Amino acid sequence: MRRSGRPGLIGLAARTAVVAGTANAVTSKQQQRAVANQQAAANAQQLAAAQRQAEIDAAAQQAVAAHVAAQAPVAPPAPAAPAPAASAGGGIDIVAEIQKLGALKEAGLLTDEEFTAAKAKLLG
């Protein structure tokens, strides 16, 4: 005979299997969501790092361009400065011109040979 209201051994085993299967399915789904969230966070960090690097690269390029632009106006007058001074002859202030040549040499815009040649033209 069978008792009513209480499951038998097979019913109890079946119920336990269903509960265990459901628990495994829920745990598996939670783990999948956690992995997906971690991957999304890692992708977001990589994207942010790439954007920061792009901003740094752009700023560096702007700084180089600004430096080149700042140096560009100084470079052309250096070779042009000795030529007019030499052609002007005796009506110029020789000491001031030699000081200008010295400043250009110290700035690295004239070599020793160019400085000596320009000074010789002024004095000669």
PDB file of N, CA and C in Angstrom:
ATOM      1  N   MET A   1       0.803  -1.171   0.000  1.00  0.00           N
ATOM      2  CA  MET A   1       0.000   0.000   0.000  1.00  0.00           C
ATOM      3  C   MET A   1       0.860   1.254   0.000  1.00  0.00           C
ATOM      4  N   ARG A   2       0.215   2.230  -0.450  1.00  0.00           N
ATOM      5  CA  ARG A   2       0.943   3.477  -0.594  1.00  0.00           C
ATOM      6  C   ARG A   2       0.363   4.525   0.327  1.00  0.00           C
ATOM      7  N   ARG A   3       1.238   5.282   0.907  1.00  0.00           N
ATOM      8  CA  ARG A   3       0.781   6.351   1.799  1.00  0.00           C
ATOM      9  C   ARG A   3       0.501   7.599   0.977  1.00  0.00           C
ATOM     10  N   SER A   4      -0.488   8.267   1.274  1.00  0.00           N
ATOM     11  CA  SER A   4      -0.781   9.500   0.561  1.00  0.00           C
ATOM     12  C   SER A   4      -0.187  10.700   1.295  1.00  0.00           C
ATOM     13  N   GLY A   5       0.238  11.690   0.511  1.00  0.00           N
ATOM     14  CA  GLY A   5       0.769  12.914   1.107  1.00  0.00           C
ATOM     15  C   GLY A   5       2.281  12.959   1.176  1.00  0.00           C
ATOM     16  N   ARG A   6       2.920  11.822   1.188  1.00  0.00           N
ATOM     17  CA  ARG A   6       4.387  11.813   1.241  1.00  0.00           C
ATOM     18  C   ARG A   6       4.898  11.056   0.036  1.00  0.00           C
ATOM     19  N   PRO A   7       5.907  11.625  -0.663  1.00  0.00           N
ATOM     20  CA  PRO A   7       6.421  10.930  -1.836  1.00  0.00           C
ATOM     21  C   PRO A   7       7.248   9.721  -1.426  1.00  0.00           C
ATOM     22  N   GLY A   8       7.342   8.815  -2.327  1.00  0.00           N
ATOM     23  CA  GLY A   8       8.164   7.643  -2.086  1.00  0.00           C
ATOM     24  C   GLY A   8       9.618   7.958  -2.364  1.00  0.00           C
ATOM     25  N   LEU A   9      10.428   6.945  -2.321  1.00  0.00           N
ATOM     26  CA  LEU A   9      11.864   7.099  -2.529  1.00  0.00           C
ATOM     27  C   LEU A   9      12.178   7.610  -3.931  1.00  0.00           C
ATOM     28  N   ILE A  10      11.508   7.114  -4.915  1.00  0.00           N
ATOM     29  CA  ILE A  10      11.752   7.553  -6.304  1.00  0.00           C
ATOM     30  C   ILE A  10      11.284   8.993  -6.481  1.00  0.00           C
ATOM     31  N   GLY A  11      10.189   9.343  -5.919  1.00  0.00           N
ATOM     32  CA  GLY A  11       9.700  10.727  -6.001  1.00  0.00           C
ATOM     33  C   GLY A  11      10.649  11.696  -5.328  1.00  0.00           C
ATOM     34  N   LEU A  12      11.191  11.284  -4.186  1.00  0.00           N
ATOM     35  CA  LEU A  12      12.149  12.125  -3.474  1.00  0.00           C
ATOM     36  C   LEU A  12      13.419  12.308  -4.289  1.00  0.00           C
ATOM     37  N   ALA A  13      13.897  11.241  -4.915  1.00  0.00           N
ATOM     38  CA  ALA A  13      15.088  11.311  -5.769  1.00  0.00           C
ATOM     39  C   ALA A  13      14.830  12.207  -6.972  1.00  0.00           C
ATOM     40  N   ALA A  14      13.653  12.119  -7.555  1.00  0.00           N
ATOM     41  CA  ALA A  14      13.318  12.953  -8.720  1.00  0.00           C
ATOM     42  C   ALA A  14      13.266  14.427  -8.333  1.00  0.00           C
ATOM     43  N   ARG A  15      12.651  14.714  -7.207  1.00  0.00           N
ATOM     44  CA  ARG A  15      12.571  16.093  -6.744  1.00  0.00           C
ATOM     45  C   ARG A  15      13.970  16.650  -6.475  1.00  0.00           C
ATOM     46  N   THR A  16      14.832  15.868  -5.861  1.00  0.00           N
ATOM     47  CA  THR A  16      16.214  16.296  -5.580  1.00  0.00           C
ATOM     48  C   THR A  16      16.959  16.572  -6.883  1.00  0.00           C
ATOM     49  N   ALA A  17      16.766  15.739  -7.880  1.00  0.00           N
ATOM     50  CA  ALA A  17      17.426  15.938  -9.177  1.00  0.00           C
ATOM     51  C   ALA A  17      16.961  17.237  -9.835  1.00  0.00           C
ATOM     52  N   VAL A  18      15.685  17.515  -9.763  1.00  0.00           N
ATOM     53  CA  VAL A  18      15.155  18.755 -10.358  1.00  0.00           C
ATOM     54  C   VAL A  18      15.716  19.966  -9.643  1.00  0.00           C
ATOM     55  N   VAL A  19      15.770  19.938  -8.338  1.00  0.00           N
ATOM     56  CA  VAL A  19      16.298  21.065  -7.563  1.00  0.00           C
ATOM     57  C   VAL A  19      17.775  21.260  -7.871  1.00  0.00           C
ATOM     58  N   ALA A  20      18.542  20.169  -7.916  1.00  0.00           N
ATOM     59  CA  ALA A  20      19.979  20.273  -8.212  1.00  0.00           C
ATOM     60  C   ALA A  20      20.212  20.789  -9.630  1.00  0.00           C
ATOM     61  N   GLY A  21      19.433  20.319 -10.587  1.00  0.00           N
ATOM     62  CA  GLY A  21      19.565  20.784 -11.973  1.00  0.00           C
ATOM     63  C   GLY A  21      19.247  22.258 -12.108  1.00  0.00           C
ATOM     64  N   THR A  22      18.207  22.684 -11.424  1.00  0.00           N
ATOM     65  CA  THR A  22      17.838  24.104 -11.456  1.00  0.00           C
ATOM     66  C   THR A  22      18.938  24.954 -10.826  1.00  0.00           C
ATOM     67  N   ALA A  23      19.489  24.492  -9.728  1.00  0.00           N
ATOM     68  CA  ALA A  23      20.565  25.238  -9.067  1.00  0.00           C
ATOM     69  C   ALA A  23      21.790  25.336  -9.972  1.00  0.00           C
ATOM     70  N   ASN A  24      22.122  24.254 -10.649  1.00  0.00           N
ATOM     71  CA  ASN A  24      23.269  24.281 -11.579  1.00  0.00           C
ATOM     72  C   ASN A  24      23.025  25.245 -12.728  1.00  0.00           C
ATOM     73  N   ALA A  25      21.814  25.245 -13.274  1.00  0.00           N
ATOM     74  CA  ALA A  25      21.485  26.140 -14.387  1.00  0.00           C
ATOM     75  C   ALA A  25      21.583  27.600 -13.965  1.00  0.00           C
ATOM     76  N   VAL A  26      21.066  27.903 -12.782  1.00  0.00           N
ATOM     77  CA  VAL A  26      21.105  29.287 -12.285  1.00  0.00           C
ATOM     78  C   VAL A  26      22.551  29.713 -12.039  1.00  0.00           C
ATOM     79  N   THR A  27      23.339  28.850 -11.409  1.00  0.00           N
ATOM     80  CA  THR A  27      24.745  29.169 -11.125  1.00  0.00           C
ATOM     81  C   THR A  27      25.520  29.373 -12.425  1.00  0.00           C
ATOM     82  N   SER A  28      25.272  28.509 -13.392  1.00  0.00           N
ATOM     83  CA  SER A  28      25.960  28.630 -14.686  1.00  0.00           C
ATOM     84  C   SER A  28      25.615  29.952 -15.365  1.00  0.00           C
ATOM     85  N   LYS A  29      24.358  30.322 -15.346  1.00  0.00           N
ATOM     86  CA  LYS A  29      23.934  31.580 -15.973  1.00  0.00           C
ATOM     87  C   LYS A  29      24.566  32.781 -15.265  1.00  0.00           C
ATOM     88  N   GLN A  30      24.651  32.733 -13.938  1.00  0.00           N
ATOM     89  CA  GLN A  30      25.271  33.823 -13.182  1.00  0.00           C
ATOM     90  C   GLN A  30      26.749  33.938 -13.518  1.00  0.00           C
ATOM     91  N   GLN A  31      27.409  32.812 -13.655  1.00  0.00           N
ATOM     92  CA  GLN A  31      28.832  32.838 -14.006  1.00  0.00           C
ATOM     93  C   GLN A  31      29.039  33.406 -15.405  1.00  0.00           C
ATOM     94  N   GLN A  32      28.164  33.051 -16.336  1.00  0.00           N
ATOM     95  CA  GLN A  32      28.261  33.596 -17.694  1.00  0.00           C
ATOM     96  C   GLN A  32      28.075  35.109 -17.692  1.00  0.00           C
ATOM     97  N   ARG A  33      27.135  35.579 -16.908  1.00  0.00           N
ATOM     98  CA  ARG A  33      26.911  37.035 -16.816  1.00  0.00           C
ATOM     99  C   ARG A  33      28.119  37.734 -16.196  1.00  0.00           C
ATOM    100  N   ALA A  34      28.707  37.120 -15.166  1.00  0.00           N
ATOM    101  CA  ALA A  34      29.881  37.721 -14.521  1.00  0.00           C
ATOM    102  C   ALA A  34      31.047  37.799 -15.500  1.00  0.00           C
ATOM    103  N   VAL A  35      31.269  36.744 -16.283  1.00  0.00           N
ATOM    104  CA  VAL A  35      32.345  36.746 -17.273  1.00  0.00           C
ATOM    105  C   VAL A  35      32.080  37.810 -18.337  1.00  0.00           C
ATOM    106  N   ALA A  36      30.832  37.913 -18.789  1.00  0.00           N
ATOM    107  CA  ALA A  36      30.487  38.920 -19.794  1.00  0.00           C
ATOM    108  C   ALA A  36      30.706  40.331 -19.250  1.00  0.00           C
ATOM    109  N   ASN A  37      30.334  40.558 -17.995  1.00  0.00           N
ATOM    110  CA  ASN A  37      30.543  41.874 -17.370  1.00  0.00           C
ATOM    111  C   ASN A  37      32.026  42.199 -17.249  1.00  0.00           C
ATOM    112  N   GLN A  38      32.826  41.206 -16.876  1.00  0.00           N
ATOM    113  CA  GLN A  38      34.275  41.424 -16.761  1.00  0.00           C
ATOM    114  C   GLN A  38      34.884  41.743 -18.118  1.00  0.00           C
ATOM    115  N   GLN A  39      34.443  41.042 -19.154  1.00  0.00           N
ATOM    116  CA  GLN A  39      34.954  41.319 -20.496  1.00  0.00           C
ATOM    117  C   GLN A  39      34.548  42.712 -20.963  1.00  0.00           C
ATOM    118  N   ALA A  40      33.340  43.104 -20.674  1.00  0.00           N
ATOM    119  CA  ALA A  40      32.879  44.443 -21.056  1.00  0.00           C
ATOM    120  C   ALA A  40      33.688  45.514 -20.328  1.00  0.00           C
ATOM    121  N   ALA A  41      33.975  45.282 -19.055  1.00  0.00           N
ATOM    122  CA  ALA A  41      34.780  46.251 -18.299  1.00  0.00           C
ATOM    123  C   ALA A  41      36.196  46.328 -18.845  1.00  0.00           C
ATOM    124  N   ALA A  42      36.772  45.184 -19.200  1.00  0.00           N
ATOM    125  CA  ALA A  42      38.125  45.180 -19.764  1.00  0.00           C
ATOM    126  C   ALA A  42      38.148  45.896 -21.104  1.00  0.00           C
ATOM    127  N   ASN A  43      37.128  45.678 -21.937  1.00  0.00           N
ATOM    128  CA  ASN A  43      37.050  46.366 -23.228  1.00  0.00           C
ATOM    129  C   ASN A  43      36.916  47.875 -23.035  1.00  0.00           C
ATOM    130  N   ALA A  44      36.131  48.283 -22.050  1.00  0.00           N
ATOM    131  CA  ALA A  44      35.964  49.717 -21.779  1.00  0.00           C
ATOM    132  C   ALA A  44      37.281  50.335 -21.319  1.00  0.00           C
ATOM    133  N   GLN A  45      38.027  49.606 -20.484  1.00  0.00           N
ATOM    134  CA  GLN A  45      39.326  50.118 -20.031  1.00  0.00           C
ATOM    135  C   GLN A  45      40.300  50.238 -21.193  1.00  0.00           C
ATOM    136  N   GLN A  46      40.298  49.261 -22.080  1.00  0.00           N
ATOM    137  CA  GLN A  46      41.191  49.319 -23.233  1.00  0.00           C
ATOM    138  C   GLN A  46      40.820  50.486 -24.143  1.00  0.00           C
ATOM    139  N   LEU A  47      39.548  50.696 -24.339  1.00  0.00           N
ATOM    140  CA  LEU A  47      39.100  51.811 -25.167  1.00  0.00           C
ATOM    141  C   LEU A  47      39.506  53.149 -24.540  1.00  0.00           C
ATOM    142  N   ALA A  48      39.330  53.272 -23.233  1.00  0.00           N
ATOM    143  CA  ALA A  48      39.710  54.508 -22.548  1.00  0.00           C
ATOM    144  C   ALA A  48      41.216  54.736 -22.637  1.00  0.00           C
ATOM    145  N   ALA A  49      41.988  53.669 -22.482  1.00  0.00           N
ATOM    146  CA  ALA A  49      43.442  53.797 -22.589  1.00  0.00           C
ATOM    147  C   ALA A  49      43.850  54.212 -24.002  1.00  0.00           C
ATOM    148  N   ALA A  50      43.195  53.651 -25.001  1.00  0.00           N
ATOM    149  CA  ALA A  50      43.499  54.022 -26.386  1.00  0.00           C
ATOM    150  C   ALA A  50      43.148  55.485 -26.647  1.00  0.00           C
ATOM    151  N   GLN A  51      42.035  55.942 -26.096  1.00  0.00           N
ATOM    152  CA  GLN A  51      41.648  57.347 -26.266  1.00  0.00           C
ATOM    153  C   GLN A  51      42.637  58.275 -25.577  1.00  0.00           C
ATOM    154  N   ARG A  52      43.078  57.902 -24.359  1.00  0.00           N
ATOM    155  CA  ARG A  52      44.072  58.723 -23.662  1.00  0.00           C
ATOM    156  C   ARG A  52      45.374  58.770 -24.451  1.00  0.00           C
ATOM    157  N   GLN A  53      45.785  57.635 -25.012  1.00  0.00           N
ATOM    158  CA  GLN A  53      47.022  57.601 -25.791  1.00  0.00           C
ATOM    159  C   GLN A  53      46.890  58.460 -27.040  1.00  0.00           C
ATOM    160  N   ALA A  54      45.722  58.419 -27.675  1.00  0.00           N
ATOM    161  CA  ALA A  54      45.500  59.252 -28.859  1.00  0.00           C
ATOM    162  C   ALA A  54      45.566  60.739 -28.494  1.00  0.00           C
ATOM    163  N   GLU A  55      45.006  61.107 -27.337  1.00  0.00           N
ATOM    164  CA  GLU A  55      45.075  62.502 -26.892  1.00  0.00           C
ATOM    165  C   GLU A  55      46.512  62.914 -26.602  1.00  0.00           C
ATOM    166  N   ILE A  56      47.277  62.010 -25.988  1.00  0.00           N
ATOM    167  CA  ILE A  56      48.683  62.297 -25.691  1.00  0.00           C
ATOM    168  C   ILE A  56      49.468  62.464 -26.981  1.00  0.00           C
ATOM    169  N   ASP A  57      49.217  61.574 -27.956  1.00  0.00           N
ATOM    170  CA  ASP A  57      49.915  61.666 -29.242  1.00  0.00           C
ATOM    171  C   ASP A  57      49.578  62.976 -29.958  1.00  0.00           C
ATOM    172  N   ALA A  58      48.296  63.352 -29.917  1.00  0.00           N
ATOM    173  CA  ALA A  58      47.892  64.603 -30.570  1.00  0.00           C
ATOM    174  C   ALA A  58      48.546  65.804 -29.889  1.00  0.00           C
ATOM    175  N   ALA A  59      48.602  65.784 -28.572  1.00  0.00           N
ATOM    176  CA  ALA A  59      49.239  66.889 -27.847  1.00  0.00           C
ATOM    177  C   ALA A  59      50.736  66.948 -28.152  1.00  0.00           C
ATOM    178  N   ALA A  60      51.356  65.795 -28.262  1.00  0.00           N
ATOM    179  CA  ALA A  60      52.786  65.764 -28.589  1.00  0.00           C
ATOM    180  C   ALA A  60      53.029  66.317 -29.993  1.00  0.00           C
ATOM    181  N   GLN A  61      52.174  65.945 -30.935  1.00  0.00           N
ATOM    182  CA  GLN A  61      52.317  66.469 -32.291  1.00  0.00           C
ATOM    183  C   GLN A  61      52.113  67.984 -32.322  1.00  0.00           C
ATOM    184  N   GLN A  62      51.164  68.462 -31.550  1.00  0.00           N
ATOM    185  CA  GLN A  62      50.943  69.906 -31.491  1.00  0.00           C
ATOM    186  C   GLN A  62      52.139  70.612 -30.878  1.00  0.00           C
ATOM    187  N   ALA A  63      52.720  70.011 -29.850  1.00  0.00           N
ATOM    188  CA  ALA A  63      53.888  70.618 -29.213  1.00  0.00           C
ATOM    189  C   ALA A  63      55.066  70.656 -30.174  1.00  0.00           C
ATOM    190  N   VAL A  64      55.259  69.583 -30.930  1.00  0.00           N
ATOM    191  CA  VAL A  64      56.352  69.557 -31.909  1.00  0.00           C
ATOM    192  C   VAL A  64      56.099  70.596 -32.988  1.00  0.00           C
ATOM    193  N   ALA A  65      54.866  70.689 -33.459  1.00  0.00           N
ATOM    194  CA  ALA A  65      54.543  71.675 -34.486  1.00  0.00           C
ATOM    195  C   ALA A  65      54.752  73.099 -33.963  1.00  0.00           C
ATOM    196  N   ALA A  66      54.357  73.338 -32.721  1.00  0.00           N
ATOM    197  CA  ALA A  66      54.552  74.667 -32.137  1.00  0.00           C
ATOM    198  C   ALA A  66      56.034  74.973 -31.977  1.00  0.00           C
ATOM    199  N   HIS A  67      56.809  73.977 -31.580  1.00  0.00           N
ATOM    200  CA  HIS A  67      58.256  74.171 -31.428  1.00  0.00           C
ATOM    201  C   HIS A  67      58.902  74.467 -32.779  1.00  0.00           C
ATOM    202  N   VAL A  68      58.505  73.728 -33.794  1.00  0.00           N
ATOM    203  CA  VAL A  68      59.056  73.954 -35.131  1.00  0.00           C
ATOM    204  C   VAL A  68      58.643  75.333 -35.634  1.00  0.00           C
ATOM    205  N   ALA A  69      57.396  75.708 -35.379  1.00  0.00           N
ATOM    206  CA  ALA A  69      56.919  77.025 -35.816  1.00  0.00           C
ATOM    207  C   ALA A  69      57.653  78.142 -35.077  1.00  0.00           C
ATOM    208  N   ALA A  70      57.949  77.915 -33.801  1.00  0.00           N
ATOM    209  CA  ALA A  70      58.658  78.931 -33.033  1.00  0.00           C
ATOM    210  C   ALA A  70      60.106  79.062 -33.496  1.00  0.00           C
ATOM    211  N   GLN A  71      60.704  77.959 -33.920  1.00  0.00           N
ATOM    212  CA  GLN A  71      62.083  77.981 -34.383  1.00  0.00           C
ATOM    213  C   GLN A  71      62.196  78.482 -35.818  1.00  0.00           C
ATOM    214  N   ALA A  72      61.160  78.325 -36.616  1.00  0.00           N
ATOM    215  CA  ALA A  72      61.213  78.690 -38.032  1.00  0.00           C
ATOM    216  C   ALA A  72      61.529  80.179 -38.245  1.00  0.00           C
ATOM    217  N   PRO A  73      60.891  81.119 -37.544  1.00  0.00           N
ATOM    218  CA  PRO A  73      61.212  82.521 -37.803  1.00  0.00           C
ATOM    219  C   PRO A  73      62.641  82.888 -37.397  1.00  0.00           C
ATOM    220  N   VAL A  74      63.220  82.187 -36.449  1.00  0.00           N
ATOM    221  CA  VAL A  74      64.568  82.509 -35.999  1.00  0.00           C
ATOM    222  C   VAL A  74      65.600  82.044 -37.023  1.00  0.00           C
ATOM    223  N   ALA A  75      65.380  80.902 -37.667  1.00  0.00           N
ATOM    224  CA  ALA A  75      66.368  80.324 -38.575  1.00  0.00           C
ATOM    225  C   ALA A  75      66.619  81.166 -39.833  1.00  0.00           C
ATOM    226  N   PRO A  76      65.608  81.659 -40.563  1.00  0.00           N
ATOM    227  CA  PRO A  76      65.897  82.399 -41.792  1.00  0.00           C
ATOM    228  C   PRO A  76      66.688  83.690 -41.601  1.00  0.00           C
ATOM    229  N   PRO A  77      66.463  84.495 -40.549  1.00  0.00           N
ATOM    230  CA  PRO A  77      67.242  85.714 -40.444  1.00  0.00           C
ATOM    231  C   PRO A  77      68.737  85.474 -40.183  1.00  0.00           C
ATOM    232  N   ALA A  78      69.111  84.333 -39.652  1.00  0.00           N
ATOM    233  CA  ALA A  78      70.510  84.090 -39.325  1.00  0.00           C
ATOM    234  C   ALA A  78      71.427  84.212 -40.541  1.00  0.00           C
ATOM    235  N   PRO A  79      71.183  83.524 -41.650  1.00  0.00           N
ATOM    236  CA  PRO A  79      72.052  83.697 -42.804  1.00  0.00           C
ATOM    237  C   PRO A  79      71.892  85.069 -43.454  1.00  0.00           C
ATOM    238  N   ALA A  80      70.700  85.638 -43.357  1.00  0.00           N
ATOM    239  CA  ALA A  80      70.461  86.925 -44.000  1.00  0.00           C
ATOM    240  C   ALA A  80      71.109  88.072 -43.220  1.00  0.00           C
ATOM    241  N   ALA A  81      71.273  87.944 -41.909  1.00  0.00           N
ATOM    242  CA  ALA A  81      71.806  89.032 -41.103  1.00  0.00           C
ATOM    243  C   ALA A  81      73.241  89.400 -41.470  1.00  0.00           C
ATOM    244  N   PRO A  82      74.164  88.463 -41.655  1.00  0.00           N
ATOM    245  CA  PRO A  82      75.528  88.855 -41.996  1.00  0.00           C
ATOM    246  C   PRO A  82      75.648  89.493 -43.385  1.00  0.00           C
ATOM    247  N   ALA A  83      74.852  89.076 -44.345  1.00  0.00           N
ATOM    248  CA  ALA A  83      74.970  89.587 -45.705  1.00  0.00           C
ATOM    249  C   ALA A  83      74.695  91.091 -45.787  1.00  0.00           C
ATOM    250  N   PRO A  84      73.560  91.599 -45.254  1.00  0.00           N
ATOM    251  CA  PRO A  84      73.348  93.036 -45.337  1.00  0.00           C
ATOM    252  C   PRO A  84      74.377  93.824 -44.525  1.00  0.00           C
ATOM    253  N   ALA A  85      74.799  93.287 -43.412  1.00  0.00           N
ATOM    254  CA  ALA A  85      75.774  93.991 -42.605  1.00  0.00           C
ATOM    255  C   ALA A  85      77.091  94.124 -43.350  1.00  0.00           C
ATOM    256  N   ALA A  86      77.481  93.115 -44.072  1.00  0.00           N
ATOM    257  CA  ALA A  86      78.733  93.156 -44.815  1.00  0.00           C
ATOM    258  C   ALA A  86      78.629  94.098 -46.004  1.00  0.00           C
ATOM    259  N   SER A  87      77.484  94.185 -46.617  1.00  0.00           N
ATOM    260  CA  SER A  87      77.347  95.029 -47.800  1.00  0.00           C
ATOM    261  C   SER A  87      77.173  96.498 -47.443  1.00  0.00           C
ATOM    262  N   ALA A  88      76.797  96.786 -46.207  1.00  0.00           N
ATOM    263  CA  ALA A  88      76.539  98.164 -45.826  1.00  0.00           C
ATOM    264  C   ALA A  88      77.827  98.978 -45.734  1.00  0.00           C
ATOM    265  N   GLY A  89      78.945  98.340 -45.462  1.00  0.00           N
ATOM    266  CA  GLY A  89      80.215  99.057 -45.455  1.00  0.00           C
ATOM    267  C   GLY A  89      80.472  99.784 -44.155  1.00  0.00           C
ATOM    268  N   GLY A  90      81.061 101.018 -44.227  1.00  0.00           N
ATOM    269  CA  GLY A  90      81.521 101.743 -43.057  1.00  0.00           C
ATOM    270  C   GLY A  90      80.437 102.461 -42.292  1.00  0.00           C
ATOM    271  N   GLY A  91      79.207 102.551 -42.775  1.00  0.00           N
ATOM    272  CA  GLY A  91      78.156 103.299 -42.114  1.00  0.00           C
ATOM    273  C   GLY A  91      77.431 102.509 -41.037  1.00  0.00           C
ATOM    274  N   ILE A  92      77.966 101.367 -40.610  1.00  0.00           N
ATOM    275  CA  ILE A  92      77.280 100.545 -39.612  1.00  0.00           C
ATOM    276  C   ILE A  92      78.062 100.539 -38.310  1.00  0.00           C
ATOM    277  N   ASP A  93      77.409 100.152 -37.249  1.00  0.00           N
ATOM    278  CA  ASP A  93      78.057 100.014 -35.956  1.00  0.00           C
ATOM    279  C   ASP A  93      78.672  98.619 -35.885  1.00  0.00           C
ATOM    280  N   ILE A  94      79.973  98.527 -36.038  1.00  0.00           N
ATOM    281  CA  ILE A  94      80.669  97.243 -36.138  1.00  0.00           C
ATOM    282  C   ILE A  94      80.543  96.452 -34.843  1.00  0.00           C
ATOM    283  N   VAL A  95      80.644  97.096 -33.716  1.00  0.00           N
ATOM    284  CA  VAL A  95      80.569  96.399 -32.437  1.00  0.00           C
ATOM    285  C   VAL A  95      79.191  95.751 -32.272  1.00  0.00           C
ATOM    286  N   ALA A  96      78.135  96.471 -32.610  1.00  0.00           N
ATOM    287  CA  ALA A  96      76.783  95.928 -32.496  1.00  0.00           C
ATOM    288  C   ALA A  96      76.590  94.739 -33.430  1.00  0.00           C
ATOM    289  N   GLU A  97      77.135  94.847 -34.637  1.00  0.00           N
ATOM    290  CA  GLU A  97      77.006  93.755 -35.604  1.00  0.00           C
ATOM    291  C   GLU A  97      77.767  92.517 -35.132  1.00  0.00           C
ATOM    292  N   ILE A  98      78.950  92.707 -34.557  1.00  0.00           N
ATOM    293  CA  ILE A  98      79.717  91.564 -34.047  1.00  0.00           C
ATOM    294  C   ILE A  98      78.972  90.934 -32.864  1.00  0.00           C
ATOM    295  N   GLN A  99      78.340  91.759 -32.039  1.00  0.00           N
ATOM    296  CA  GLN A  99      77.549  91.220 -30.927  1.00  0.00           C
ATOM    297  C   GLN A  99      76.359  90.406 -31.440  1.00  0.00           C
ATOM    298  N   LYS A 100      75.725  90.888 -32.515  1.00  0.00           N
ATOM    299  CA  LYS A 100      74.613  90.139 -33.114  1.00  0.00           C
ATOM    300  C   LYS A 100      75.109  88.798 -33.651  1.00  0.00           C
ATOM    301  N   LEU A 101      76.263  88.834 -34.311  1.00  0.00           N
ATOM    302  CA  LEU A 101      76.834  87.589 -34.825  1.00  0.00           C
ATOM    303  C   LEU A 101      77.163  86.627 -33.680  1.00  0.00           C
ATOM    304  N   GLY A 102      77.693  87.162 -32.581  1.00  0.00           N
ATOM    305  CA  GLY A 102      78.002  86.321 -31.414  1.00  0.00           C
ATOM    306  C   GLY A 102      76.746  85.679 -30.836  1.00  0.00           C
ATOM    307  N   ALA A 103      75.671  86.454 -30.794  1.00  0.00           N
ATOM    308  CA  ALA A 103      74.410  85.906 -30.282  1.00  0.00           C
ATOM    309  C   ALA A 103      73.897  84.797 -31.192  1.00  0.00           C
ATOM    310  N   LEU A 104      74.026  84.988 -32.504  1.00  0.00           N
ATOM    311  CA  LEU A 104      73.596  83.947 -33.442  1.00  0.00           C
ATOM    312  C   LEU A 104      74.456  82.689 -33.281  1.00  0.00           C
ATOM    313  N   LYS A 105      75.749  82.886 -33.048  1.00  0.00           N
ATOM    314  CA  LYS A 105      76.645  81.746 -32.862  1.00  0.00           C
ATOM    315  C   LYS A 105      76.289  80.990 -31.581  1.00  0.00           C
ATOM    316  N   GLU A 106      76.019  81.724 -30.496  1.00  0.00           N
ATOM    317  CA  GLU A 106      75.660  81.095 -29.223  1.00  0.00           C
ATOM    318  C   GLU A 106      74.327  80.355 -29.330  1.00  0.00           C
ATOM    319  N   ALA A 107      73.428  80.865 -30.141  1.00  0.00           N
ATOM    320  CA  ALA A 107      72.139  80.207 -30.336  1.00  0.00           C
ATOM    321  C   ALA A 107      72.265  78.968 -31.203  1.00  0.00           C
ATOM    322  N   GLY A 108      73.439  78.761 -31.788  1.00  0.00           N
ATOM    323  CA  GLY A 108      73.661  77.580 -32.617  1.00  0.00           C
ATOM    324  C   GLY A 108      73.243  77.770 -34.052  1.00  0.00           C
ATOM    325  N   LEU A 109      72.967  79.012 -34.442  1.00  0.00           N
ATOM    326  CA  LEU A 109      72.539  79.275 -35.806  1.00  0.00           C
ATOM    327  C   LEU A 109      73.713  79.530 -36.747  1.00  0.00           C
ATOM    328  N   LEU A 110      74.886  79.828 -36.199  1.00  0.00           N
ATOM    329  CA  LEU A 110      76.098  80.022 -36.995  1.00  0.00           C
ATOM    330  C   LEU A 110      77.179  79.071 -36.499  1.00  0.00           C
ATOM    331  N   THR A 111      77.950  78.543 -37.439  1.00  0.00           N
ATOM    332  CA  THR A 111      79.098  77.719 -37.050  1.00  0.00           C
ATOM    333  C   THR A 111      80.272  78.649 -36.764  1.00  0.00           C
ATOM    334  N   ASP A 112      81.338  78.082 -36.219  1.00  0.00           N
ATOM    335  CA  ASP A 112      82.531  78.889 -35.945  1.00  0.00           C
ATOM    336  C   ASP A 112      83.087  79.495 -37.231  1.00  0.00           C
ATOM    337  N   GLU A 113      83.071  78.709 -38.307  1.00  0.00           N
ATOM    338  CA  GLU A 113      83.603  79.201 -39.591  1.00  0.00           C
ATOM    339  C   GLU A 113      82.760  80.351 -40.127  1.00  0.00           C
ATOM    340  N   GLU A 114      81.429  80.227 -40.047  1.00  0.00           N
ATOM    341  CA  GLU A 114      80.552  81.298 -40.532  1.00  0.00           C
ATOM    342  C   GLU A 114      80.734  82.563 -39.691  1.00  0.00           C
ATOM    343  N   PHE A 115      80.862  82.392 -38.377  1.00  0.00           N
ATOM    344  CA  PHE A 115      81.061  83.539 -37.499  1.00  0.00           C
ATOM    345  C   PHE A 115      82.362  84.250 -37.838  1.00  0.00           C
ATOM    346  N   THR A 116      83.433  83.459 -38.010  1.00  0.00           N
ATOM    347  CA  THR A 116      84.741  84.053 -38.318  1.00  0.00           C
ATOM    348  C   THR A 116      84.709  84.774 -39.664  1.00  0.00           C
ATOM    349  N   ALA A 117      84.069  84.174 -40.665  1.00  0.00           N
ATOM    350  CA  ALA A 117      84.000  84.793 -42.005  1.00  0.00           C
ATOM    351  C   ALA A 117      83.198  86.096 -41.956  1.00  0.00           C
ATOM    352  N   ALA A 118      82.062  86.092 -41.246  1.00  0.00           N
ATOM    353  CA  ALA A 118      81.245  87.307 -41.175  1.00  0.00           C
ATOM    354  C   ALA A 118      81.959  88.398 -40.403  1.00  0.00           C
ATOM    355  N   LYS A 119      82.661  88.023 -39.334  1.00  0.00           N
ATOM    356  CA  LYS A 119      83.406  89.003 -38.557  1.00  0.00           C
ATOM    357  C   LYS A 119      84.537  89.609 -39.406  1.00  0.00           C
ATOM    358  N   ALA A 120      85.203  88.773 -40.200  1.00  0.00           N
ATOM    359  CA  ALA A 120      86.275  89.263 -41.076  1.00  0.00           C
ATOM    360  C   ALA A 120      85.740  90.249 -42.099  1.00  0.00           C
ATOM    361  N   LYS A 121      84.544  90.005 -42.633  1.00  0.00           N
ATOM    362  CA  LYS A 121      83.951  90.928 -43.598  1.00  0.00           C
ATOM    363  C   LYS A 121      83.637  92.276 -42.944  1.00  0.00           C
ATOM    364  N   LEU A 122      83.162  92.215 -41.683  1.00  0.00           N
ATOM    365  CA  LEU A 122      82.846  93.471 -40.994  1.00  0.00           C
ATOM    366  C   LEU A 122      84.119  94.263 -40.689  1.00  0.00           C
ATOM    367  N   LEU A 123      85.162  93.576 -40.277  1.00  0.00           N
ATOM    368  CA  LEU A 123      86.382  94.254 -39.895  1.00  0.00           C
ATOM    369  C   LEU A 123      87.246  94.619 -41.104  1.00  0.00           C
ATOM    370  N   GLY A 124      87.074  93.869 -42.191  1.00  0.00           N
ATOM    371  CA  GLY A 124      87.949  94.052 -43.350  1.00  0.00           C
ATOM    372  C   GLY A 124      87.464  95.054 -44.289  1.00  0.00           C
TER     373      GLY A 124
END
